[in-house]
Amino acid sequence: MRKMMLILIAIWINAGLLSGCASSKAKVFGTDMPSMKTIHDEKFHQANNEVLDRPHRSASDEVIETHEEFQWLPNPTLRMYVFKHLTNAGNPVPGYSTFFRLYTRDYIASPGEQGGWE
């Protein structure tokens, strides 16, 4: 009995969902809506008449000093080329190059710490 009820509920839900797909587009959206081309043209013709002002930004001396004060510690990169080869299943693999960093993370030196790493 419980299985029969679950089947009937599933059929009822599916029938409700599928009935939503049976309605026409004009019934859902209406016929007085503008087309996508008119929406696009209205939007971009208005944008062409506008004058866009770019904000003027200037780098302050404090920011420049901060970048000079804190430096990245060197993290050597090892480059490797893998020649073209076949896999165990016989599938071809094209040649490619890859790289590995010596350290897993990049570190920033504290002020005055960079001198020993140069």
N, C-alpha and C. Protein backbone atom coordinates (compact mmCIF):
# COMPACT_ATOMS: atom_id res chain seq x y z
N MET A 1 0.82 -1.19 0.00
CA MET A 1 0.00 0.00 0.00
C MET A 1 0.87 1.26 0.00
N ARG A 2 1.93 1.23 0.82
CA ARG A 2 2.82 2.39 0.90
C ARG A 2 3.54 2.62 -0.43
N LYS A 3 3.93 1.52 -1.08
CA LYS A 3 4.61 1.63 -2.36
C LYS A 3 3.68 2.24 -3.41
N MET A 4 2.41 1.85 -3.36
CA MET A 4 1.43 2.37 -4.30
C MET A 4 1.22 3.87 -4.09
N MET A 5 1.21 4.32 -2.82
CA MET A 5 1.05 5.73 -2.51
C MET A 5 2.24 6.54 -3.04
N LEU A 6 3.47 6.01 -2.85
CA LEU A 6 4.66 6.69 -3.34
C LEU A 6 4.63 6.83 -4.86
N ILE A 7 4.18 5.80 -5.55
CA ILE A 7 4.10 5.84 -7.01
C ILE A 7 3.07 6.89 -7.45
N LEU A 8 1.92 6.93 -6.79
CA LEU A 8 0.89 7.92 -7.13
C LEU A 8 1.37 9.35 -6.86
N ILE A 9 2.08 9.55 -5.76
CA ILE A 9 2.61 10.88 -5.46
C ILE A 9 3.65 11.29 -6.50
N ALA A 10 4.52 10.36 -6.90
CA ALA A 10 5.53 10.65 -7.92
C ALA A 10 4.87 11.01 -9.25
N ILE A 11 3.81 10.27 -9.63
CA ILE A 11 3.10 10.57 -10.88
C ILE A 11 2.43 11.94 -10.78
N TRP A 12 1.85 12.26 -9.65
CA TRP A 12 1.18 13.55 -9.46
C TRP A 12 2.18 14.71 -9.56
N ILE A 13 3.36 14.55 -8.93
CA ILE A 13 4.38 15.60 -8.98
C ILE A 13 4.89 15.77 -10.41
N ASN A 14 5.17 14.67 -11.10
CA ASN A 14 5.66 14.76 -12.49
C ASN A 14 4.63 15.38 -13.41
N ALA A 15 3.36 15.06 -13.20
CA ALA A 15 2.31 15.65 -14.03
C ALA A 15 2.24 17.16 -13.80
N GLY A 16 2.42 17.59 -12.56
CA GLY A 16 2.41 19.02 -12.26
C GLY A 16 3.59 19.73 -12.88
N LEU A 17 4.76 19.11 -12.83
CA LEU A 17 5.95 19.73 -13.43
C LEU A 17 5.85 19.79 -14.94
N LEU A 18 5.34 18.74 -15.55
CA LEU A 18 5.24 18.72 -17.01
C LEU A 18 4.15 19.65 -17.52
N SER A 19 3.14 19.92 -16.73
CA SER A 19 2.10 20.84 -17.18
C SER A 19 2.64 22.26 -17.30
N GLY A 20 3.67 22.61 -16.54
CA GLY A 20 4.30 23.92 -16.66
C GLY A 20 4.99 24.09 -18.00
N CYS A 21 5.47 23.01 -18.58
CA CYS A 21 6.14 23.07 -19.87
C CYS A 21 5.14 23.17 -21.02
N ALA A 22 3.87 22.89 -20.78
CA ALA A 22 2.87 22.86 -21.84
C ALA A 22 2.37 24.25 -22.20
N SER A 23 2.63 25.25 -21.35
CA SER A 23 2.12 26.59 -21.66
C SER A 23 3.00 27.24 -22.73
N SER A 24 2.41 28.18 -23.47
CA SER A 24 3.15 28.82 -24.55
C SER A 24 3.99 29.97 -24.01
N LYS A 25 4.98 30.36 -24.79
CA LYS A 25 5.87 31.45 -24.39
C LYS A 25 5.12 32.78 -24.34
N ALA A 26 4.20 32.99 -25.26
CA ALA A 26 3.43 34.23 -25.29
C ALA A 26 2.53 34.33 -24.06
N LYS A 27 2.05 33.20 -23.58
CA LYS A 27 1.19 33.21 -22.39
C LYS A 27 2.00 33.55 -21.14
N VAL A 28 3.22 33.09 -21.09
CA VAL A 28 4.06 33.33 -19.91
C VAL A 28 4.65 34.74 -19.93
N PHE A 29 5.24 35.15 -21.06
CA PHE A 29 5.94 36.42 -21.13
C PHE A 29 5.10 37.56 -21.67
N GLY A 30 4.08 37.28 -22.40
CA GLY A 30 3.29 38.33 -23.02
C GLY A 30 3.81 38.65 -24.40
N THR A 31 3.02 39.40 -25.16
CA THR A 31 3.43 39.72 -26.53
C THR A 31 3.98 41.13 -26.66
N ASP A 32 3.89 41.94 -25.62
CA ASP A 32 4.32 43.33 -25.71
C ASP A 32 5.76 43.54 -25.27
N MET A 33 6.51 42.48 -25.07
CA MET A 33 7.91 42.61 -24.63
C MET A 33 8.81 42.96 -25.80
N PRO A 34 9.84 43.81 -25.58
CA PRO A 34 10.77 44.13 -26.68
C PRO A 34 11.69 42.94 -26.96
N SER A 35 12.20 42.91 -28.17
CA SER A 35 13.10 41.82 -28.54
C SER A 35 14.48 42.07 -27.92
N MET A 36 15.32 41.06 -27.95
CA MET A 36 16.67 41.19 -27.40
C MET A 36 17.49 42.20 -28.19
N LYS A 37 17.25 42.30 -29.50
CA LYS A 37 17.99 43.27 -30.31
C LYS A 37 17.66 44.69 -29.90
N THR A 38 16.39 44.99 -29.65
CA THR A 38 16.03 46.34 -29.24
C THR A 38 16.58 46.66 -27.86
N ILE A 39 16.58 45.69 -26.97
CA ILE A 39 17.15 45.91 -25.63
C ILE A 39 18.64 46.21 -25.75
N HIS A 40 19.35 45.44 -26.56
CA HIS A 40 20.79 45.63 -26.77
C HIS A 40 21.07 46.99 -27.39
N ASP A 41 20.32 47.34 -28.43
CA ASP A 41 20.55 48.62 -29.10
C ASP A 41 20.29 49.80 -28.17
N GLU A 42 19.22 49.73 -27.38
CA GLU A 42 18.93 50.82 -26.45
C GLU A 42 20.04 50.97 -25.42
N LYS A 43 20.54 49.87 -24.91
CA LYS A 43 21.57 49.91 -23.88
C LYS A 43 22.87 50.50 -24.41
N PHE A 44 23.31 50.05 -25.58
CA PHE A 44 24.61 50.47 -26.08
C PHE A 44 24.58 51.80 -26.82
N HIS A 45 23.44 52.21 -27.34
CA HIS A 45 23.36 53.55 -27.92
C HIS A 45 23.42 54.59 -26.82
N GLN A 46 22.86 54.29 -25.67
CA GLN A 46 22.96 55.20 -24.53
C GLN A 46 24.39 55.25 -24.01
N ALA A 47 25.07 54.12 -24.00
CA ALA A 47 26.44 54.08 -23.49
C ALA A 47 27.39 54.82 -24.40
N ASN A 48 27.12 54.87 -25.71
CA ASN A 48 28.01 55.57 -26.64
C ASN A 48 27.96 57.07 -26.43
N ASN A 49 26.86 57.60 -25.94
CA ASN A 49 26.74 59.03 -25.73
C ASN A 49 27.34 59.48 -24.40
N GLU A 50 27.58 58.55 -23.51
CA GLU A 50 28.11 58.92 -22.19
C GLU A 50 29.62 59.14 -22.27
N VAL A 51 30.08 60.08 -21.48
CA VAL A 51 31.51 60.32 -21.36
C VAL A 51 31.97 59.62 -20.09
N LEU A 52 32.88 58.70 -20.24
CA LEU A 52 33.36 57.94 -19.09
C LEU A 52 34.55 58.65 -18.46
N ASP A 53 34.46 58.91 -17.18
CA ASP A 53 35.55 59.55 -16.46
C ASP A 53 36.37 58.48 -15.76
N ARG A 54 37.67 58.50 -16.00
CA ARG A 54 38.55 57.57 -15.31
C ARG A 54 39.05 58.21 -14.03
N PRO A 55 39.06 57.47 -12.96
CA PRO A 55 39.59 58.05 -11.72
C PRO A 55 41.10 58.25 -11.85
N HIS A 56 41.56 59.37 -11.34
CA HIS A 56 43.00 59.67 -11.37
C HIS A 56 43.61 59.17 -10.08
N ARG A 57 44.52 58.25 -10.22
CA ARG A 57 45.19 57.69 -9.05
C ARG A 57 46.67 57.99 -9.14
N SER A 58 47.23 58.33 -8.02
CA SER A 58 48.66 58.57 -7.99
C SER A 58 49.27 57.70 -6.89
N ALA A 59 50.41 57.15 -7.19
CA ALA A 59 51.09 56.31 -6.20
C ALA A 59 51.77 57.21 -5.18
N SER A 60 51.49 56.97 -3.94
CA SER A 60 52.11 57.79 -2.91
C SER A 60 53.52 57.28 -2.64
N ASP A 61 54.31 58.13 -2.01
CA ASP A 61 55.69 57.76 -1.70
C ASP A 61 55.74 56.63 -0.68
N GLU A 62 54.74 56.55 0.21
CA GLU A 62 54.73 55.50 1.23
C GLU A 62 54.60 54.12 0.60
N VAL A 63 53.77 54.00 -0.44
CA VAL A 63 53.59 52.72 -1.10
C VAL A 63 54.87 52.30 -1.79
N ILE A 64 55.54 53.23 -2.45
CA ILE A 64 56.79 52.91 -3.14
C ILE A 64 57.84 52.48 -2.13
N GLU A 65 57.91 53.16 -0.99
CA GLU A 65 58.88 52.78 0.04
C GLU A 65 58.57 51.40 0.59
N THR A 66 57.30 51.07 0.76
CA THR A 66 56.92 49.75 1.28
C THR A 66 57.35 48.66 0.33
N HIS A 67 57.17 48.89 -0.99
CA HIS A 67 57.58 47.88 -1.96
C HIS A 67 59.10 47.72 -1.98
N GLU A 68 59.82 48.78 -1.75
CA GLU A 68 61.27 48.67 -1.71
C GLU A 68 61.75 48.04 -0.41
N GLU A 69 60.99 48.23 0.67
CA GLU A 69 61.40 47.73 1.97
C GLU A 69 61.18 46.22 2.10
N PHE A 70 60.05 45.71 1.60
CA PHE A 70 59.74 44.29 1.69
C PHE A 70 59.96 43.65 0.33
N GLN A 71 60.89 42.70 0.26
CA GLN A 71 61.24 42.04 -0.99
C GLN A 71 60.90 40.55 -0.89
N TRP A 72 60.61 39.95 -2.04
CA TRP A 72 60.37 38.51 -2.08
C TRP A 72 61.70 37.78 -1.95
N LEU A 73 61.74 36.75 -1.13
CA LEU A 73 62.93 35.92 -1.05
C LEU A 73 63.00 35.06 -2.30
N PRO A 74 64.20 34.78 -2.79
CA PRO A 74 64.30 33.99 -4.02
C PRO A 74 63.78 32.57 -3.82
N ASN A 75 63.05 32.08 -4.81
CA ASN A 75 62.53 30.71 -4.82
C ASN A 75 62.88 30.12 -6.17
N PRO A 76 64.02 29.43 -6.26
CA PRO A 76 64.47 28.91 -7.56
C PRO A 76 63.44 28.00 -8.21
N THR A 77 63.37 28.09 -9.53
CA THR A 77 62.43 27.29 -10.30
C THR A 77 63.22 26.27 -11.11
N LEU A 78 62.86 25.01 -10.96
CA LEU A 78 63.48 23.94 -11.74
C LEU A 78 62.56 23.63 -12.92
N ARG A 79 63.11 23.71 -14.13
CA ARG A 79 62.31 23.45 -15.32
C ARG A 79 62.63 22.05 -15.84
N MET A 80 61.59 21.35 -16.29
CA MET A 80 61.77 19.98 -16.77
C MET A 80 61.01 19.82 -18.07
N TYR A 81 61.61 19.12 -19.01
CA TYR A 81 60.95 18.80 -20.27
C TYR A 81 60.67 17.31 -20.30
N VAL A 82 59.43 16.94 -20.56
CA VAL A 82 59.04 15.54 -20.68
C VAL A 82 58.90 15.25 -22.17
N PHE A 83 59.69 14.31 -22.66
CA PHE A 83 59.66 13.98 -24.07
C PHE A 83 58.39 13.21 -24.41
N LYS A 84 57.99 13.26 -25.67
CA LYS A 84 56.80 12.52 -26.09
C LYS A 84 57.03 11.03 -25.87
N HIS A 85 55.95 10.38 -25.45
CA HIS A 85 56.07 8.96 -25.11
C HIS A 85 54.71 8.29 -25.20
N LEU A 86 54.70 6.97 -25.03
CA LEU A 86 53.47 6.20 -25.02
C LEU A 86 53.17 5.76 -23.59
N THR A 87 51.90 5.75 -23.21
CA THR A 87 51.51 5.27 -21.89
C THR A 87 51.51 3.75 -21.89
N ASN A 88 51.27 3.15 -20.74
CA ASN A 88 51.22 1.69 -20.64
C ASN A 88 50.10 1.11 -21.49
N ALA A 89 49.03 1.89 -21.68
CA ALA A 89 47.91 1.43 -22.50
C ALA A 89 48.16 1.66 -23.99
N GLY A 90 49.27 2.31 -24.35
CA GLY A 90 49.60 2.53 -25.75
C GLY A 90 49.13 3.86 -26.30
N ASN A 91 48.62 4.75 -25.45
CA ASN A 91 48.15 6.06 -25.89
C ASN A 91 49.33 7.03 -25.97
N PRO A 92 49.41 7.83 -27.06
CA PRO A 92 50.52 8.78 -27.18
C PRO A 92 50.32 10.00 -26.28
N VAL A 93 51.43 10.48 -25.70
CA VAL A 93 51.43 11.70 -24.90
C VAL A 93 52.41 12.66 -25.57
N PRO A 94 51.98 13.88 -25.93
CA PRO A 94 52.90 14.81 -26.58
C PRO A 94 53.93 15.33 -25.58
N GLY A 95 55.04 15.82 -26.10
CA GLY A 95 56.06 16.39 -25.24
C GLY A 95 55.59 17.70 -24.63
N TYR A 96 55.99 17.97 -23.41
CA TYR A 96 55.59 19.20 -22.73
C TYR A 96 56.65 19.58 -21.72
N SER A 97 56.62 20.84 -21.32
CA SER A 97 57.56 21.30 -20.30
C SER A 97 56.77 21.71 -19.07
N THR A 98 57.37 21.56 -17.91
CA THR A 98 56.74 21.92 -16.65
C THR A 98 57.81 22.50 -15.75
N PHE A 99 57.41 23.04 -14.61
CA PHE A 99 58.38 23.59 -13.69
C PHE A 99 58.00 23.23 -12.26
N PHE A 100 58.99 23.19 -11.42
CA PHE A 100 58.82 22.93 -10.00
C PHE A 100 59.54 24.01 -9.22
N ARG A 101 58.93 24.50 -8.21
CA ARG A 101 59.60 25.48 -7.35
C ARG A 101 60.33 24.71 -6.25
N LEU A 102 61.46 25.24 -5.82
CA LEU A 102 62.27 24.58 -4.81
C LEU A 102 61.55 24.58 -3.46
N TYR A 103 60.90 25.69 -3.14
CA TYR A 103 60.13 25.78 -1.90
C TYR A 103 58.65 25.74 -2.23
N THR A 104 57.83 25.21 -1.34
CA THR A 104 56.40 25.10 -1.59
C THR A 104 55.70 26.44 -1.51
N ARG A 105 56.22 27.37 -0.73
CA ARG A 105 55.60 28.68 -0.57
C ARG A 105 56.60 29.77 -0.89
N ASP A 106 56.10 30.93 -1.28
CA ASP A 106 56.94 32.11 -1.48
C ASP A 106 56.93 32.91 -0.18
N TYR A 107 58.09 33.43 0.19
CA TYR A 107 58.21 34.18 1.44
C TYR A 107 58.66 35.60 1.15
N ILE A 108 58.27 36.52 2.05
CA ILE A 108 58.67 37.91 1.95
C ILE A 108 59.67 38.18 3.05
N ALA A 109 60.77 38.84 2.69
CA ALA A 109 61.81 39.14 3.67
C ALA A 109 61.39 40.33 4.52
N SER A 110 61.74 40.30 5.78
CA SER A 110 61.51 41.44 6.66
C SER A 110 62.50 42.54 6.29
N PRO A 111 62.25 43.76 6.71
CA PRO A 111 63.19 44.84 6.39
C PRO A 111 64.59 44.52 6.91
N GLY A 112 65.59 44.67 6.05
CA GLY A 112 66.97 44.40 6.43
C GLY A 112 67.36 42.96 6.30
N GLU A 113 66.45 42.05 6.03
CA GLU A 113 66.75 40.63 5.93
C GLU A 113 67.20 40.25 4.52
N GLN A 114 66.93 41.04 3.54
CA GLN A 114 67.23 40.73 2.16
C GLN A 114 68.73 40.72 1.88
N GLY A 115 69.52 41.43 2.66
CA GLY A 115 70.95 41.57 2.39
C GLY A 115 71.69 40.26 2.31
N GLY A 116 71.36 39.27 3.11
CA GLY A 116 72.07 38.00 3.08
C GLY A 116 71.65 37.11 1.94
N TRP A 117 70.57 37.41 1.24
CA TRP A 117 70.06 36.53 0.20
C TRP A 117 70.45 36.97 -1.20
N GLU A 118 71.07 38.10 -1.32
CA GLU A 118 71.39 38.62 -2.67
C GLU A 118 72.56 37.91 -3.26
